[in-house]
C-alpha cells in the first residue's frame, strides 16, 4: 500500500472550495488547511504509485484554483 501526502497551493480565496471538494472524494482520506508556503495538505492511500499519480493529476490538479502540488509518497508497512 502507498501513502501519499499532497501539498497544494491555491489561488487566493478558493481554499475552502478546494478543500470541500477534496473531502468528498473517496480517494482522499483527509484534507486540512495549512499556514505557510502551502495552503492545503491531502492524504491519499492507494494500491501503488500509479494510483496516487492518477488521483493527483485527475482529482487534485484539475480543480479550479489549484496552482501547484507537491507529492510526498512512500510505501506503508
C-alpha atoms as a PDB file:
ATOM      1  CA  UNK A   1       0.000   0.000   0.000  1.00  0.00           C
ATOM      2  CA  UNK A   2       1.240   3.502  -0.848  1.00  0.00           C
ATOM      3  CA  UNK A   3       0.509   6.599   1.211  1.00  0.00           C
ATOM      4  CA  UNK A   4       0.799   9.989  -0.432  1.00  0.00           C
ATOM      5  CA  UNK A   5       0.706  13.388   1.206  1.00  0.00           C
ATOM      6  CA  UNK A   6      -0.056  16.057  -1.362  1.00  0.00           C
ATOM      7  CA  UNK A   7       0.853  19.666  -0.639  1.00  0.00           C
ATOM      8  CA  UNK A   8      -1.436  22.019  -2.547  1.00  0.00           C
ATOM      9  CA  UNK A   9      -1.121  25.695  -3.401  1.00  0.00           C
ATOM     10  CA  UNK A  10      -4.293  27.517  -4.480  1.00  0.00           C
ATOM     11  CA  UNK A  11      -5.340  30.903  -5.760  1.00  0.00           C
ATOM     12  CA  UNK A  12      -6.408  33.346  -3.060  1.00  0.00           C
ATOM     13  CA  UNK A  13      -9.852  32.844  -1.539  1.00  0.00           C
ATOM     14  CA  UNK A  14     -10.608  29.431  -3.103  1.00  0.00           C
ATOM     15  CA  UNK A  15      -9.048  27.315  -0.352  1.00  0.00           C
ATOM     16  CA  UNK A  16     -12.386  26.489   1.292  1.00  0.00           C
ATOM     17  CA  UNK A  17     -13.967  25.442  -2.002  1.00  0.00           C
ATOM     18  CA  UNK A  18     -10.994  23.224  -2.915  1.00  0.00           C
ATOM     19  CA  UNK A  19     -10.832  21.539   0.495  1.00  0.00           C
ATOM     20  CA  UNK A  20     -14.589  20.966   0.433  1.00  0.00           C
ATOM     21  CA  UNK A  21     -14.295  19.082  -2.871  1.00  0.00           C
ATOM     22  CA  UNK A  22     -11.267  17.110  -1.638  1.00  0.00           C
ATOM     23  CA  UNK A  23     -13.108  16.000   1.500  1.00  0.00           C
ATOM     24  CA  UNK A  24     -15.904  14.489  -0.614  1.00  0.00           C
ATOM     25  CA  UNK A  25     -13.567  12.364  -2.746  1.00  0.00           C
ATOM     26  CA  UNK A  26     -13.474   8.664  -1.848  1.00  0.00           C
ATOM     27  CA  UNK A  27      -9.806   8.565  -2.896  1.00  0.00           C
ATOM     28  CA  UNK A  28      -8.708  11.236  -0.442  1.00  0.00           C
ATOM     29  CA  UNK A  29      -8.725  10.160   3.196  1.00  0.00           C
ATOM     30  CA  UNK A  30      -8.106  13.575   4.737  1.00  0.00           C
ATOM     31  CA  UNK A  31      -7.573  17.178   3.728  1.00  0.00           C
ATOM     32  CA  UNK A  32      -6.512  20.022   6.027  1.00  0.00           C
ATOM     33  CA  UNK A  33      -5.689  23.720   5.798  1.00  0.00           C
ATOM     34  CA  UNK A  34      -2.076  24.781   6.249  1.00  0.00           C
ATOM     35  CA  UNK A  35      -0.414  28.090   7.019  1.00  0.00           C
ATOM     36  CA  UNK A  36       2.743  28.987   5.148  1.00  0.00           C
ATOM     37  CA  UNK A  37       4.027  28.207   1.667  1.00  0.00           C
ATOM     38  CA  UNK A  38       1.307  25.588   1.035  1.00  0.00           C
ATOM     39  CA  UNK A  39      -2.438  26.074   1.554  1.00  0.00           C
ATOM     40  CA  UNK A  40      -3.736  22.502   1.900  1.00  0.00           C
ATOM     41  CA  UNK A  41      -2.406  19.018   2.638  1.00  0.00           C
ATOM     42  CA  UNK A  42      -4.293  15.938   1.461  1.00  0.00           C
ATOM     43  CA  UNK A  43      -3.707  12.276   2.323  1.00  0.00           C
ATOM     44  CA  UNK A  44      -4.180   9.565  -0.303  1.00  0.00           C
ATOM     45  CA  UNK A  45      -3.905   5.829   0.372  1.00  0.00           C
ATOM     46  CA  UNK A  46      -3.607   3.754  -2.805  1.00  0.00           C
ATOM     47  CA  UNK A  47      -2.580   0.359  -4.179  1.00  0.00           C
ATOM     48  CA  UNK A  48       0.506   1.729  -5.919  1.00  0.00           C
ATOM     49  CA  UNK A  49       2.332   4.863  -7.042  1.00  0.00           C
ATOM     50  CA  UNK A  50       0.397   4.937 -10.327  1.00  0.00           C
ATOM     51  CA  UNK A  51      -2.888   5.257  -8.449  1.00  0.00           C
ATOM     52  CA  UNK A  52      -1.506   8.093  -6.313  1.00  0.00           C
ATOM     53  CA  UNK A  53      -0.381   9.809  -9.513  1.00  0.00           C
ATOM     54  CA  UNK A  54      -3.831   9.384 -11.071  1.00  0.00           C
ATOM     55  CA  UNK A  55      -5.534  10.954  -8.038  1.00  0.00           C
ATOM     56  CA  UNK A  56      -3.129  13.900  -8.073  1.00  0.00           C
ATOM     57  CA  UNK A  57      -3.467  14.520 -11.803  1.00  0.00           C
ATOM     58  CA  UNK A  58      -7.170  13.767 -12.287  1.00  0.00           C
ATOM     59  CA  UNK A  59      -8.725  14.830  -8.991  1.00  0.00           C
ATOM     60  CA  UNK A  60      -6.486  17.483  -7.472  1.00  0.00           C
ATOM     61  CA  UNK A  61      -4.626  19.354 -10.218  1.00  0.00           C
ATOM     62  CA  UNK A  62      -7.780  19.501 -12.325  1.00  0.00           C
ATOM     63  CA  UNK A  63      -9.639  21.551  -9.688  1.00  0.00           C
ATOM     64  CA  UNK A  64     -10.226  25.223 -10.460  1.00  0.00           C
ATOM     65  CA  UNK A  65      -7.940  27.330  -8.335  1.00  0.00           C
ATOM     66  CA  UNK A  66      -5.199  24.749  -7.779  1.00  0.00           C
ATOM     67  CA  UNK A  67      -1.898  26.324  -8.797  1.00  0.00           C
ATOM     68  CA  UNK A  68       0.729  23.788  -7.772  1.00  0.00           C
ATOM     69  CA  UNK A  69       1.137  20.464  -5.989  1.00  0.00           C
ATOM     70  CA  UNK A  70       3.991  18.533  -4.464  1.00  0.00           C
ATOM     71  CA  UNK A  71       3.581  14.860  -3.633  1.00  0.00           C
ATOM     72  CA  UNK A  72       5.410  13.055  -0.852  1.00  0.00           C
ATOM     73  CA  UNK A  73       4.749   9.332  -1.158  1.00  0.00           C
ATOM     74  CA  UNK A  74       6.064   6.170   0.378  1.00  0.00           C
ATOM     75  CA  UNK A  75       5.224   2.547   0.992  1.00  0.00           C
ATOM     76  CA  UNK A  76       3.221   1.796   4.125  1.00  0.00           C
ATOM     77  CA  UNK A  77       4.013  -1.359   6.109  1.00  0.00           C
END
